[in-house]
N, C-alpha and C. Protein backbone atom coordinates (compact mmCIF):
# COMPACT_ATOMS: atom_id res chain seq x y z
N MET A 1 10.39 -32.43 -51.43
CA MET A 1 9.34 -32.47 -50.41
C MET A 1 9.02 -31.05 -49.96
N LYS A 2 7.75 -30.69 -49.86
CA LYS A 2 7.35 -29.37 -49.42
C LYS A 2 7.72 -29.19 -47.96
N ALA A 3 7.92 -27.89 -47.58
CA ALA A 3 8.32 -27.60 -46.20
C ALA A 3 7.31 -28.10 -45.20
N ALA A 4 6.02 -27.97 -45.52
CA ALA A 4 4.99 -28.43 -44.58
C ALA A 4 5.09 -29.91 -44.34
N GLY A 5 5.33 -30.67 -45.41
CA GLY A 5 5.44 -32.11 -45.25
C GLY A 5 6.65 -32.50 -44.45
N LEU A 6 7.76 -31.83 -44.71
CA LEU A 6 8.98 -32.12 -43.96
C LEU A 6 8.78 -31.76 -42.50
N GLY A 7 8.07 -30.65 -42.25
CA GLY A 7 7.82 -30.27 -40.87
C GLY A 7 7.01 -31.31 -40.14
N LEU A 8 6.02 -31.90 -40.82
CA LEU A 8 5.21 -32.95 -40.21
C LEU A 8 6.06 -34.13 -39.84
N TRP A 9 6.97 -34.52 -40.74
CA TRP A 9 7.86 -35.65 -40.42
C TRP A 9 8.71 -35.34 -39.21
N LEU A 10 9.20 -34.09 -39.10
CA LEU A 10 10.02 -33.74 -37.94
C LEU A 10 9.21 -33.85 -36.66
N VAL A 11 7.98 -33.36 -36.69
CA VAL A 11 7.13 -33.44 -35.50
C VAL A 11 6.93 -34.90 -35.10
N LEU A 12 6.64 -35.74 -36.08
CA LEU A 12 6.42 -37.16 -35.78
C LEU A 12 7.70 -37.80 -35.25
N GLY A 13 8.83 -37.49 -35.89
CA GLY A 13 10.08 -38.09 -35.46
C GLY A 13 10.51 -37.61 -34.10
N ALA A 14 10.42 -36.30 -33.87
CA ALA A 14 10.84 -35.75 -32.58
C ALA A 14 9.95 -36.24 -31.46
N GLY A 15 8.65 -36.34 -31.73
CA GLY A 15 7.75 -36.86 -30.70
C GLY A 15 8.09 -38.27 -30.33
N GLY A 16 8.43 -39.08 -31.33
CA GLY A 16 8.80 -40.46 -31.05
C GLY A 16 10.08 -40.57 -30.26
N LEU A 17 11.03 -39.68 -30.54
CA LEU A 17 12.29 -39.71 -29.81
C LEU A 17 12.06 -39.51 -28.33
N LEU A 18 11.03 -38.76 -27.98
CA LEU A 18 10.72 -38.53 -26.57
C LEU A 18 9.85 -39.63 -26.00
N ALA A 19 8.82 -40.03 -26.75
CA ALA A 19 7.81 -40.92 -26.19
C ALA A 19 8.34 -42.30 -25.89
N GLY A 20 9.41 -42.72 -26.57
CA GLY A 20 9.88 -44.09 -26.39
C GLY A 20 10.78 -44.29 -25.19
N CYS A 21 10.95 -43.29 -24.33
CA CYS A 21 11.93 -43.36 -23.25
C CYS A 21 11.25 -43.37 -21.90
N ALA A 22 11.30 -44.50 -21.21
CA ALA A 22 10.73 -44.59 -19.87
C ALA A 22 11.82 -44.39 -18.84
N VAL A 23 11.43 -44.18 -17.60
CA VAL A 23 12.40 -44.02 -16.52
C VAL A 23 13.16 -45.32 -16.31
N ASP A 24 14.46 -45.21 -16.22
CA ASP A 24 15.34 -46.37 -16.03
C ASP A 24 15.81 -46.35 -14.58
N PRO A 25 15.29 -47.25 -13.72
CA PRO A 25 15.67 -47.22 -12.30
C PRO A 25 17.17 -47.31 -12.09
N GLU A 26 17.84 -48.14 -12.90
CA GLU A 26 19.29 -48.28 -12.72
C GLU A 26 19.99 -46.98 -13.04
N GLY A 27 19.58 -46.34 -14.15
CA GLY A 27 20.18 -45.07 -14.52
C GLY A 27 19.86 -44.01 -13.49
N GLN A 28 18.64 -44.06 -12.93
CA GLN A 28 18.26 -43.07 -11.93
C GLN A 28 19.14 -43.20 -10.69
N ALA A 29 19.40 -44.43 -10.29
CA ALA A 29 20.26 -44.64 -9.14
C ALA A 29 21.67 -44.17 -9.42
N ALA A 30 22.11 -44.40 -10.66
CA ALA A 30 23.47 -44.03 -11.02
C ALA A 30 23.67 -42.53 -10.99
N THR A 31 22.59 -41.77 -11.21
CA THR A 31 22.71 -40.32 -11.23
C THR A 31 22.31 -39.71 -9.91
N GLY A 32 22.17 -40.52 -8.89
CA GLY A 32 21.75 -40.02 -7.59
C GLY A 32 22.71 -39.01 -6.99
N ALA A 33 23.98 -39.06 -7.42
CA ALA A 33 24.95 -38.12 -6.89
C ALA A 33 24.58 -36.69 -7.22
N ALA A 34 23.80 -36.51 -8.32
CA ALA A 34 23.43 -35.16 -8.73
C ALA A 34 22.14 -34.72 -8.07
N ARG A 35 21.53 -35.58 -7.21
CA ARG A 35 20.22 -35.29 -6.64
C ARG A 35 20.20 -33.99 -5.85
N ALA A 36 21.32 -33.67 -5.19
CA ALA A 36 21.34 -32.49 -4.33
C ALA A 36 21.45 -31.20 -5.13
N ALA A 37 21.87 -31.28 -6.40
CA ALA A 37 22.06 -30.09 -7.20
C ALA A 37 20.72 -29.64 -7.77
N PRO A 38 20.28 -28.42 -7.48
CA PRO A 38 19.01 -27.95 -8.00
C PRO A 38 19.10 -27.72 -9.51
N ARG A 39 17.97 -27.68 -10.16
CA ARG A 39 17.96 -27.36 -11.58
C ARG A 39 16.92 -26.27 -11.84
N PRO A 40 17.15 -25.44 -12.83
CA PRO A 40 16.20 -24.37 -13.11
C PRO A 40 14.89 -24.93 -13.65
N SER A 41 13.84 -24.14 -13.55
CA SER A 41 12.55 -24.54 -14.11
C SER A 41 12.66 -24.65 -15.63
N LEU A 42 11.68 -25.31 -16.24
CA LEU A 42 11.67 -25.40 -17.70
C LEU A 42 11.56 -24.02 -18.33
N ASP A 43 10.77 -23.15 -17.73
CA ASP A 43 10.64 -21.79 -18.25
C ASP A 43 11.99 -21.08 -18.26
N ALA A 44 12.71 -21.18 -17.14
CA ALA A 44 14.02 -20.53 -17.04
C ALA A 44 15.02 -21.16 -18.00
N THR A 45 14.93 -22.47 -18.17
CA THR A 45 15.85 -23.16 -19.08
C THR A 45 15.61 -22.75 -20.51
N LEU A 46 14.35 -22.74 -20.94
CA LEU A 46 14.05 -22.37 -22.32
C LEU A 46 14.39 -20.91 -22.60
N ALA A 47 14.35 -20.08 -21.57
CA ALA A 47 14.71 -18.67 -21.76
C ALA A 47 16.18 -18.51 -22.14
N ARG A 48 16.98 -19.52 -21.86
CA ARG A 48 18.40 -19.46 -22.21
C ARG A 48 18.66 -19.79 -23.68
N LEU A 49 17.71 -20.42 -24.33
CA LEU A 49 17.92 -20.82 -25.72
C LEU A 49 18.05 -19.60 -26.62
N PRO A 50 19.01 -19.60 -27.53
CA PRO A 50 19.22 -18.44 -28.40
C PRO A 50 18.14 -18.30 -29.46
N GLU A 51 17.91 -17.07 -29.90
CA GLU A 51 16.99 -16.82 -30.99
C GLU A 51 17.60 -17.24 -32.33
N GLN A 52 18.91 -17.13 -32.42
CA GLN A 52 19.66 -17.52 -33.62
C GLN A 52 20.83 -18.40 -33.20
N ALA A 53 21.06 -19.48 -33.94
CA ALA A 53 22.19 -20.36 -33.62
C ALA A 53 22.67 -21.07 -34.88
N ALA A 54 23.89 -20.79 -35.28
CA ALA A 54 24.54 -21.49 -36.39
C ALA A 54 23.66 -21.53 -37.64
N GLY A 55 23.02 -20.41 -37.97
CA GLY A 55 22.22 -20.34 -39.18
C GLY A 55 20.78 -20.76 -39.01
N PHE A 56 20.36 -21.17 -37.81
CA PHE A 56 18.99 -21.56 -37.54
C PHE A 56 18.29 -20.47 -36.72
N SER A 57 16.99 -20.28 -36.96
CA SER A 57 16.19 -19.31 -36.21
C SER A 57 15.16 -20.04 -35.36
N ARG A 58 14.93 -19.51 -34.16
CA ARG A 58 14.01 -20.14 -33.22
C ARG A 58 12.56 -19.95 -33.64
N GLY A 59 11.74 -20.98 -33.39
CA GLY A 59 10.32 -20.92 -33.71
C GLY A 59 9.46 -21.25 -32.51
N MET A 60 8.40 -21.99 -32.74
CA MET A 60 7.41 -22.26 -31.71
C MET A 60 7.89 -23.31 -30.71
N THR A 61 7.24 -23.31 -29.54
CA THR A 61 7.54 -24.27 -28.47
C THR A 61 6.35 -25.19 -28.27
N THR A 62 6.61 -26.48 -28.14
CA THR A 62 5.57 -27.47 -27.85
C THR A 62 5.77 -27.98 -26.43
N ASP A 63 4.72 -27.90 -25.63
CA ASP A 63 4.81 -28.30 -24.21
C ASP A 63 4.17 -29.67 -24.02
N MET A 64 5.00 -30.69 -23.81
CA MET A 64 4.51 -32.03 -23.51
C MET A 64 4.37 -32.26 -22.01
N GLU A 65 5.07 -31.43 -21.24
CA GLU A 65 5.15 -31.63 -19.79
C GLU A 65 3.78 -31.53 -19.13
N ALA A 66 2.92 -30.65 -19.63
CA ALA A 66 1.62 -30.41 -19.00
C ALA A 66 0.75 -31.66 -18.98
N THR A 67 0.82 -32.46 -20.02
CA THR A 67 0.00 -33.67 -20.11
C THR A 67 0.79 -34.96 -19.89
N GLN A 68 2.12 -34.89 -20.06
CA GLN A 68 2.98 -36.06 -19.88
C GLN A 68 4.20 -35.66 -19.05
N PRO A 69 4.05 -35.63 -17.72
CA PRO A 69 5.17 -35.23 -16.87
C PRO A 69 6.44 -36.02 -17.18
N GLY A 70 7.54 -35.29 -17.26
CA GLY A 70 8.82 -35.91 -17.59
C GLY A 70 9.20 -35.79 -19.04
N GLN A 71 8.22 -35.47 -19.91
CA GLN A 71 8.49 -35.39 -21.35
C GLN A 71 9.01 -34.03 -21.78
N GLY A 72 8.89 -33.02 -20.89
CA GLY A 72 9.52 -31.73 -21.15
C GLY A 72 8.90 -30.92 -22.25
N ARG A 73 9.75 -30.16 -22.93
CA ARG A 73 9.29 -29.27 -24.00
C ARG A 73 10.22 -29.38 -25.21
N ALA A 74 9.68 -29.05 -26.37
CA ALA A 74 10.45 -29.07 -27.61
C ALA A 74 10.34 -27.71 -28.27
N VAL A 75 11.47 -27.19 -28.73
CA VAL A 75 11.51 -25.89 -29.39
C VAL A 75 11.93 -26.10 -30.85
N ASP A 76 11.14 -25.55 -31.75
CA ASP A 76 11.37 -25.67 -33.18
C ASP A 76 12.41 -24.64 -33.63
N TYR A 77 13.31 -25.07 -34.50
CA TYR A 77 14.26 -24.18 -35.18
C TYR A 77 14.23 -24.49 -36.67
N ALA A 78 14.58 -23.52 -37.50
CA ALA A 78 14.64 -23.74 -38.94
C ALA A 78 15.57 -22.71 -39.57
N THR A 79 16.06 -23.04 -40.76
CA THR A 79 16.87 -22.07 -41.50
C THR A 79 15.96 -21.09 -42.21
N PRO A 80 16.29 -19.81 -42.19
CA PRO A 80 15.47 -18.81 -42.89
C PRO A 80 15.74 -18.82 -44.39
N ALA A 81 14.88 -18.14 -45.13
CA ALA A 81 15.07 -18.03 -46.57
C ALA A 81 16.29 -17.16 -46.87
N ARG A 82 16.98 -17.50 -47.92
CA ARG A 82 18.08 -16.67 -48.42
C ARG A 82 18.22 -16.94 -49.90
N PRO A 83 18.96 -16.11 -50.64
CA PRO A 83 19.06 -16.30 -52.09
C PRO A 83 19.44 -17.73 -52.47
N GLY A 84 18.62 -18.34 -53.29
CA GLY A 84 18.89 -19.70 -53.75
C GLY A 84 18.41 -20.80 -52.84
N LEU A 85 17.82 -20.43 -51.68
CA LEU A 85 17.39 -21.45 -50.73
C LEU A 85 16.11 -21.00 -50.04
N ALA A 86 15.09 -21.84 -50.08
CA ALA A 86 13.81 -21.50 -49.46
C ALA A 86 13.89 -21.59 -47.94
N ALA A 87 12.94 -20.93 -47.29
CA ALA A 87 12.85 -21.03 -45.83
C ALA A 87 12.61 -22.48 -45.42
N ARG A 88 13.13 -22.85 -44.27
CA ARG A 88 12.98 -24.19 -43.70
C ARG A 88 13.61 -25.26 -44.58
N ALA A 89 14.70 -24.91 -45.24
CA ALA A 89 15.43 -25.92 -46.00
C ALA A 89 15.96 -27.00 -45.05
N ALA A 90 16.33 -26.58 -43.86
CA ALA A 90 16.69 -27.51 -42.79
C ALA A 90 15.86 -27.17 -41.57
N ILE A 91 15.40 -28.17 -40.87
CA ILE A 91 14.59 -27.95 -39.68
C ILE A 91 15.20 -28.72 -38.51
N ALA A 92 14.90 -28.26 -37.31
CA ALA A 92 15.50 -28.87 -36.12
C ALA A 92 14.53 -28.78 -34.96
N SER A 93 14.78 -29.60 -33.96
CA SER A 93 14.01 -29.55 -32.73
C SER A 93 14.96 -29.73 -31.55
N VAL A 94 14.81 -28.86 -30.56
CA VAL A 94 15.60 -28.94 -29.33
C VAL A 94 14.66 -29.39 -28.22
N MET A 95 14.96 -30.53 -27.60
CA MET A 95 14.09 -31.12 -26.59
C MET A 95 14.78 -31.15 -25.23
N ILE A 96 14.09 -30.65 -24.22
CA ILE A 96 14.59 -30.61 -22.85
C ILE A 96 13.62 -31.41 -22.00
N TYR A 97 14.09 -32.44 -21.30
CA TYR A 97 13.19 -33.33 -20.56
C TYR A 97 13.98 -34.07 -19.49
N ASP A 98 13.26 -34.71 -18.54
CA ASP A 98 13.97 -35.45 -17.48
C ASP A 98 13.55 -36.91 -17.37
N HIS A 99 12.39 -37.28 -17.94
CA HIS A 99 11.92 -38.67 -17.86
C HIS A 99 11.90 -39.19 -16.43
N GLY A 100 11.65 -38.31 -15.48
CA GLY A 100 11.54 -38.73 -14.09
C GLY A 100 12.85 -38.84 -13.35
N HIS A 101 13.96 -38.55 -13.98
CA HIS A 101 15.26 -38.63 -13.32
C HIS A 101 15.46 -37.42 -12.41
N PRO A 102 16.23 -37.57 -11.35
CA PRO A 102 16.60 -36.43 -10.52
C PRO A 102 17.53 -35.52 -11.32
N PRO A 103 17.87 -34.34 -10.79
CA PRO A 103 18.75 -33.43 -11.53
C PRO A 103 20.01 -34.11 -12.05
N LEU A 104 20.30 -33.89 -13.30
CA LEU A 104 21.45 -34.50 -13.97
C LEU A 104 22.57 -33.48 -14.09
N GLY A 105 23.80 -33.95 -13.97
CA GLY A 105 24.94 -33.05 -14.06
C GLY A 105 26.13 -33.73 -14.69
N ALA A 106 27.32 -33.20 -14.40
CA ALA A 106 28.55 -33.73 -14.99
C ALA A 106 28.81 -35.17 -14.58
N GLU A 107 28.17 -35.62 -13.48
CA GLU A 107 28.38 -36.99 -13.01
C GLU A 107 27.53 -38.01 -13.77
N THR A 108 26.67 -37.54 -14.65
CA THR A 108 25.79 -38.46 -15.39
C THR A 108 26.62 -39.48 -16.16
N PRO A 109 26.40 -40.76 -15.95
CA PRO A 109 27.18 -41.78 -16.66
C PRO A 109 26.99 -41.68 -18.17
N ALA A 110 28.08 -41.84 -18.91
CA ALA A 110 28.00 -41.81 -20.37
C ALA A 110 27.07 -42.90 -20.88
N ALA A 111 27.01 -44.03 -20.15
CA ALA A 111 26.16 -45.14 -20.57
C ALA A 111 24.69 -44.75 -20.57
N LEU A 112 24.29 -43.87 -19.64
CA LEU A 112 22.90 -43.43 -19.61
C LEU A 112 22.57 -42.57 -20.83
N ILE A 113 23.50 -41.70 -21.20
CA ILE A 113 23.30 -40.88 -22.40
C ILE A 113 23.27 -41.76 -23.64
N THR A 114 24.14 -42.76 -23.69
CA THR A 114 24.14 -43.69 -24.82
C THR A 114 22.80 -44.41 -24.93
N THR A 115 22.24 -44.79 -23.80
CA THR A 115 20.94 -45.45 -23.80
C THR A 115 19.87 -44.56 -24.41
N LYS A 116 19.86 -43.29 -24.03
CA LYS A 116 18.89 -42.36 -24.58
C LYS A 116 19.09 -42.15 -26.07
N LEU A 117 20.35 -42.10 -26.50
CA LEU A 117 20.63 -41.97 -27.93
C LEU A 117 20.16 -43.21 -28.68
N ASP A 118 20.43 -44.40 -28.11
CA ASP A 118 19.99 -45.64 -28.74
C ASP A 118 18.48 -45.66 -28.92
N GLU A 119 17.76 -45.19 -27.90
CA GLU A 119 16.30 -45.17 -27.98
C GLU A 119 15.83 -44.25 -29.10
N GLY A 120 16.48 -43.09 -29.22
CA GLY A 120 16.13 -42.16 -30.28
C GLY A 120 16.41 -42.73 -31.66
N ILE A 121 17.54 -43.40 -31.81
CA ILE A 121 17.89 -44.01 -33.09
C ILE A 121 16.89 -45.11 -33.45
N ALA A 122 16.54 -45.93 -32.47
CA ALA A 122 15.59 -47.02 -32.71
C ALA A 122 14.25 -46.48 -33.21
N GLU A 123 13.81 -45.39 -32.61
CA GLU A 123 12.53 -44.80 -33.03
C GLU A 123 12.64 -44.19 -34.43
N ALA A 124 13.74 -43.48 -34.68
CA ALA A 124 13.90 -42.80 -35.97
C ALA A 124 14.10 -43.77 -37.12
N THR A 125 14.62 -44.95 -36.83
CA THR A 125 14.88 -45.93 -37.89
C THR A 125 13.82 -47.04 -37.94
N SER A 126 12.83 -46.96 -37.07
CA SER A 126 11.78 -47.99 -37.09
C SER A 126 10.96 -47.87 -38.36
N PRO A 127 10.44 -48.98 -38.88
CA PRO A 127 9.66 -48.93 -40.12
C PRO A 127 8.43 -48.03 -39.98
N ALA A 128 8.21 -47.20 -40.99
CA ALA A 128 7.04 -46.32 -41.03
C ALA A 128 6.69 -46.09 -42.48
N PRO A 129 5.41 -45.93 -42.79
CA PRO A 129 5.00 -45.70 -44.18
C PRO A 129 5.73 -44.51 -44.80
N GLY A 130 6.41 -44.73 -45.89
CA GLY A 130 7.09 -43.67 -46.60
C GLY A 130 8.41 -43.24 -46.00
N ARG A 131 8.86 -43.88 -44.94
CA ARG A 131 10.11 -43.50 -44.28
C ARG A 131 11.03 -44.69 -44.17
N ARG A 132 12.28 -44.48 -44.54
CA ARG A 132 13.30 -45.52 -44.38
C ARG A 132 14.62 -44.83 -44.03
N MET A 133 15.02 -44.95 -42.77
CA MET A 133 16.25 -44.32 -42.30
C MET A 133 17.15 -45.37 -41.65
N ASN A 134 18.46 -45.19 -41.82
CA ASN A 134 19.43 -46.10 -41.23
C ASN A 134 20.57 -45.31 -40.59
N GLU A 135 21.11 -45.87 -39.52
CA GLU A 135 22.25 -45.22 -38.86
C GLU A 135 23.48 -45.31 -39.75
N ALA A 136 24.16 -44.17 -39.92
CA ALA A 136 25.35 -44.12 -40.78
C ALA A 136 26.63 -43.91 -40.00
N GLY A 137 26.54 -43.59 -38.71
CA GLY A 137 27.75 -43.39 -37.93
C GLY A 137 27.47 -42.59 -36.67
N ARG A 138 28.44 -42.61 -35.75
CA ARG A 138 28.32 -41.87 -34.49
C ARG A 138 29.60 -41.09 -34.22
N HIS A 139 29.45 -40.04 -33.43
CA HIS A 139 30.61 -39.27 -32.99
C HIS A 139 30.27 -38.54 -31.71
N THR A 140 31.31 -38.19 -30.96
CA THR A 140 31.15 -37.42 -29.74
C THR A 140 31.47 -35.96 -30.05
N LEU A 141 30.64 -35.07 -29.55
CA LEU A 141 30.76 -33.66 -29.86
C LEU A 141 31.07 -32.89 -28.58
N THR A 142 32.25 -32.31 -28.51
CA THR A 142 32.60 -31.52 -27.34
C THR A 142 31.84 -30.20 -27.36
N VAL A 143 31.60 -29.65 -26.18
CA VAL A 143 30.87 -28.40 -26.05
C VAL A 143 31.79 -27.37 -25.42
N PRO A 144 32.03 -26.23 -26.07
CA PRO A 144 32.88 -25.19 -25.48
C PRO A 144 32.39 -24.78 -24.10
N GLY A 145 33.31 -24.55 -23.20
CA GLY A 145 32.95 -24.14 -21.86
C GLY A 145 32.90 -25.26 -20.86
N GLY A 146 33.22 -26.48 -21.31
CA GLY A 146 33.31 -27.60 -20.37
C GLY A 146 32.01 -28.32 -20.08
N ALA A 147 30.95 -28.09 -20.86
CA ALA A 147 29.69 -28.80 -20.65
C ALA A 147 29.87 -30.28 -21.00
N VAL A 148 28.92 -31.10 -20.54
CA VAL A 148 28.97 -32.53 -20.83
C VAL A 148 28.95 -32.74 -22.34
N PRO A 149 29.88 -33.53 -22.91
CA PRO A 149 29.89 -33.75 -24.36
C PRO A 149 28.58 -34.38 -24.85
N LEU A 150 28.24 -34.09 -26.08
CA LEU A 150 27.07 -34.67 -26.71
C LEU A 150 27.45 -35.93 -27.46
N GLN A 151 26.60 -36.93 -27.38
CA GLN A 151 26.76 -38.14 -28.19
C GLN A 151 25.81 -38.02 -29.38
N CYS A 152 26.34 -38.16 -30.59
CA CYS A 152 25.56 -37.90 -31.80
C CYS A 152 25.56 -39.10 -32.74
N ALA A 153 24.48 -39.23 -33.49
CA ALA A 153 24.36 -40.25 -34.52
C ALA A 153 23.84 -39.61 -35.79
N VAL A 154 24.41 -39.99 -36.91
CA VAL A 154 23.97 -39.53 -38.23
C VAL A 154 23.10 -40.61 -38.85
N LEU A 155 21.97 -40.21 -39.41
CA LEU A 155 21.05 -41.13 -40.07
C LEU A 155 20.89 -40.71 -41.53
N GLU A 156 20.78 -41.69 -42.40
CA GLU A 156 20.57 -41.42 -43.82
C GLU A 156 19.47 -42.33 -44.35
N GLY A 157 18.73 -41.83 -45.32
CA GLY A 157 17.66 -42.64 -45.89
C GLY A 157 16.73 -41.81 -46.74
N ASN A 158 15.45 -42.17 -46.70
CA ASN A 158 14.47 -41.52 -47.57
C ASN A 158 13.16 -41.27 -46.85
N TYR A 159 12.55 -40.13 -47.14
CA TYR A 159 11.15 -39.85 -46.82
C TYR A 159 10.44 -39.84 -48.16
N GLY A 160 9.73 -40.91 -48.46
CA GLY A 160 9.15 -41.02 -49.79
C GLY A 160 10.27 -41.09 -50.82
N ARG A 161 10.24 -40.17 -51.80
CA ARG A 161 11.27 -40.14 -52.83
C ARG A 161 12.40 -39.17 -52.50
N THR A 162 12.30 -38.53 -51.35
CA THR A 162 13.30 -37.52 -50.98
C THR A 162 14.39 -38.13 -50.12
N ALA A 163 15.63 -38.07 -50.59
CA ALA A 163 16.76 -38.54 -49.79
C ALA A 163 16.96 -37.58 -48.63
N MET A 164 17.10 -38.13 -47.41
CA MET A 164 17.17 -37.30 -46.21
C MET A 164 18.45 -37.57 -45.42
N TRP A 165 18.92 -36.53 -44.75
CA TRP A 165 20.04 -36.61 -43.82
C TRP A 165 19.54 -36.08 -42.48
N GLN A 166 19.86 -36.81 -41.40
CA GLN A 166 19.43 -36.39 -40.07
C GLN A 166 20.57 -36.57 -39.08
N GLN A 167 20.51 -35.81 -38.00
CA GLN A 167 21.44 -36.02 -36.90
C GLN A 167 20.69 -35.91 -35.58
N ILE A 168 20.96 -36.84 -34.67
CA ILE A 168 20.43 -36.82 -33.32
C ILE A 168 21.60 -36.70 -32.37
N CYS A 169 21.56 -35.72 -31.48
CA CYS A 169 22.57 -35.56 -30.45
C CYS A 169 21.89 -35.57 -29.09
N VAL A 170 22.48 -36.25 -28.13
CA VAL A 170 21.92 -36.33 -26.78
C VAL A 170 23.01 -35.99 -25.78
N GLY A 171 22.62 -35.22 -24.78
CA GLY A 171 23.55 -34.86 -23.71
C GLY A 171 22.79 -34.44 -22.48
N VAL A 172 23.43 -33.67 -21.62
CA VAL A 172 22.84 -33.18 -20.39
C VAL A 172 23.06 -31.67 -20.33
N ALA A 173 22.02 -30.94 -19.97
CA ALA A 173 22.13 -29.49 -19.84
C ALA A 173 21.08 -29.00 -18.85
N ALA A 174 21.46 -28.06 -18.01
CA ALA A 174 20.54 -27.44 -17.05
C ALA A 174 19.80 -28.48 -16.21
N GLY A 175 20.49 -29.58 -15.87
CA GLY A 175 19.90 -30.59 -14.99
C GLY A 175 18.97 -31.58 -15.65
N ARG A 176 18.83 -31.50 -16.97
CA ARG A 176 17.93 -32.40 -17.69
C ARG A 176 18.62 -32.98 -18.92
N PHE A 177 17.97 -33.93 -19.56
CA PHE A 177 18.46 -34.43 -20.84
C PHE A 177 18.23 -33.37 -21.91
N LEU A 178 19.16 -33.29 -22.83
CA LEU A 178 19.06 -32.42 -24.00
C LEU A 178 19.15 -33.28 -25.24
N LYS A 179 18.18 -33.13 -26.13
CA LYS A 179 18.22 -33.85 -27.40
C LYS A 179 18.06 -32.84 -28.53
N VAL A 180 18.99 -32.87 -29.48
CA VAL A 180 18.97 -31.95 -30.61
C VAL A 180 18.83 -32.77 -31.89
N PHE A 181 17.76 -32.50 -32.62
CA PHE A 181 17.43 -33.27 -33.82
C PHE A 181 17.43 -32.32 -35.01
N VAL A 182 18.20 -32.66 -36.07
CA VAL A 182 18.28 -31.84 -37.28
C VAL A 182 17.95 -32.72 -38.48
N ALA A 183 17.15 -32.18 -39.41
CA ALA A 183 16.79 -32.91 -40.62
C ALA A 183 16.88 -31.99 -41.82
N VAL A 184 17.43 -32.51 -42.91
CA VAL A 184 17.56 -31.72 -44.14
C VAL A 184 17.58 -32.68 -45.33
N PRO A 185 16.91 -32.33 -46.43
CA PRO A 185 17.04 -33.14 -47.64
C PRO A 185 18.51 -33.19 -48.07
N THR A 186 18.98 -34.36 -48.43
CA THR A 186 20.39 -34.55 -48.77
C THR A 186 20.85 -33.58 -49.84
N ARG A 187 20.00 -33.34 -50.83
CA ARG A 187 20.41 -32.48 -51.94
C ARG A 187 20.63 -31.03 -51.51
N GLN A 188 20.07 -30.63 -50.37
CA GLN A 188 20.20 -29.25 -49.91
C GLN A 188 21.27 -29.07 -48.83
N LYS A 189 21.79 -30.17 -48.32
CA LYS A 189 22.72 -30.07 -47.18
C LYS A 189 23.96 -29.25 -47.53
N ALA A 190 24.49 -29.45 -48.72
CA ALA A 190 25.70 -28.73 -49.11
C ALA A 190 25.46 -27.24 -49.34
N LEU A 191 24.20 -26.84 -49.47
CA LEU A 191 23.86 -25.44 -49.75
C LEU A 191 23.65 -24.62 -48.49
N LEU A 192 23.67 -25.27 -47.33
CA LEU A 192 23.28 -24.59 -46.10
C LEU A 192 24.35 -23.65 -45.55
N GLY A 193 25.59 -23.83 -45.96
CA GLY A 193 26.63 -22.94 -45.50
C GLY A 193 26.87 -23.06 -44.00
N GLU A 194 26.63 -21.95 -43.27
CA GLU A 194 26.92 -21.92 -41.85
C GLU A 194 25.95 -22.76 -41.03
N ALA A 195 24.84 -23.19 -41.62
CA ALA A 195 23.85 -23.98 -40.88
C ALA A 195 24.34 -25.41 -40.73
N ASP A 196 25.32 -25.59 -39.89
CA ASP A 196 25.95 -26.88 -39.68
C ASP A 196 25.33 -27.55 -38.46
N ALA A 197 24.98 -28.83 -38.58
CA ALA A 197 24.29 -29.52 -37.49
C ALA A 197 25.15 -29.61 -36.23
N ASP A 198 26.44 -29.87 -36.38
CA ASP A 198 27.33 -29.93 -35.21
C ASP A 198 27.42 -28.57 -34.53
N ALA A 199 27.63 -27.52 -35.31
CA ALA A 199 27.75 -26.18 -34.74
C ALA A 199 26.45 -25.77 -34.06
N PHE A 200 25.33 -26.17 -34.64
CA PHE A 200 24.04 -25.85 -34.03
C PHE A 200 23.88 -26.55 -32.68
N ALA A 201 24.17 -27.84 -32.64
CA ALA A 201 24.06 -28.58 -31.39
C ALA A 201 24.99 -28.01 -30.32
N GLN A 202 26.20 -27.66 -30.71
CA GLN A 202 27.15 -27.07 -29.76
C GLN A 202 26.64 -25.74 -29.23
N ALA A 203 26.09 -24.90 -30.11
CA ALA A 203 25.59 -23.58 -29.69
C ALA A 203 24.42 -23.73 -28.72
N ILE A 204 23.56 -24.70 -28.98
CA ILE A 204 22.41 -24.93 -28.09
C ILE A 204 22.90 -25.40 -26.72
N ALA A 205 23.78 -26.39 -26.70
CA ALA A 205 24.28 -26.91 -25.43
C ALA A 205 25.03 -25.85 -24.65
N GLN A 206 25.81 -25.04 -25.35
CA GLN A 206 26.59 -24.00 -24.68
C GLN A 206 25.65 -22.93 -24.12
N GLY A 207 24.59 -22.62 -24.84
CA GLY A 207 23.63 -21.63 -24.36
C GLY A 207 22.91 -22.07 -23.11
N LEU A 208 22.74 -23.37 -22.93
CA LEU A 208 22.04 -23.90 -21.77
C LEU A 208 22.96 -24.17 -20.58
N SER A 209 24.26 -24.08 -20.80
CA SER A 209 25.21 -24.41 -19.74
C SER A 209 25.23 -23.32 -18.66
C-alpha cells in the first residue's frame, strides 16, 4: 500500500476513534473529584509533545476542537526514511480531547478508560469497504514517572490486500483523555527497529505528564 493511501486510512480511523465518543454522565460524575484540578490549555499541552519519540517524528496537527468542542486535537507522527525502509513505513496519531468531561487525573476510574478504549476498538473493527480488522489482544502499559497507565489493544487484519497491524492505547494526560494510535503493514513491522508502538505510547504519555 502506498504511503498516501495508508495515511488516508489512518485519518479515517483516527477520526472515527474520536467521533464515536459522547459524554458519559456517569463517567463524568465519577471523575468529579478531579474537577478542582486545573488543566493546561490545548496549546500548552501540545507544546509538551516531543518532536521525536521512539523512532517516530512529529508532523502536522489537526484541530477538531474549533468546530467540535470536546473533540480536541490530533498530532500526526511517522517513521522517517532510512536504509531499506521508506518514509512513513509506520504512522501514528496522538489525540488529546475531553469529550466534555471535567479535568481528569489519577482518580479517573479505570472503567472509564476501558469504555473509551472499547469505543475506539468498535470503530476500528467496524465493517468498511476494503478494511477488515479484529482485536487480537489487550495489555496494560505502565508509564515511567507514575502517570496513569495506558490501556492498549492490538488489532490485526487487512486494508485491501495489505495485512495490517495496529495498536490503540487510551489513558489520561494533562487533564484530558490521551489516545495513541499506531498503524504499520505487518510485513514491515519487524523492520522498524526502535520504532516500537509500546515505547512510542509511553514516551508520549511521559512527555505530557
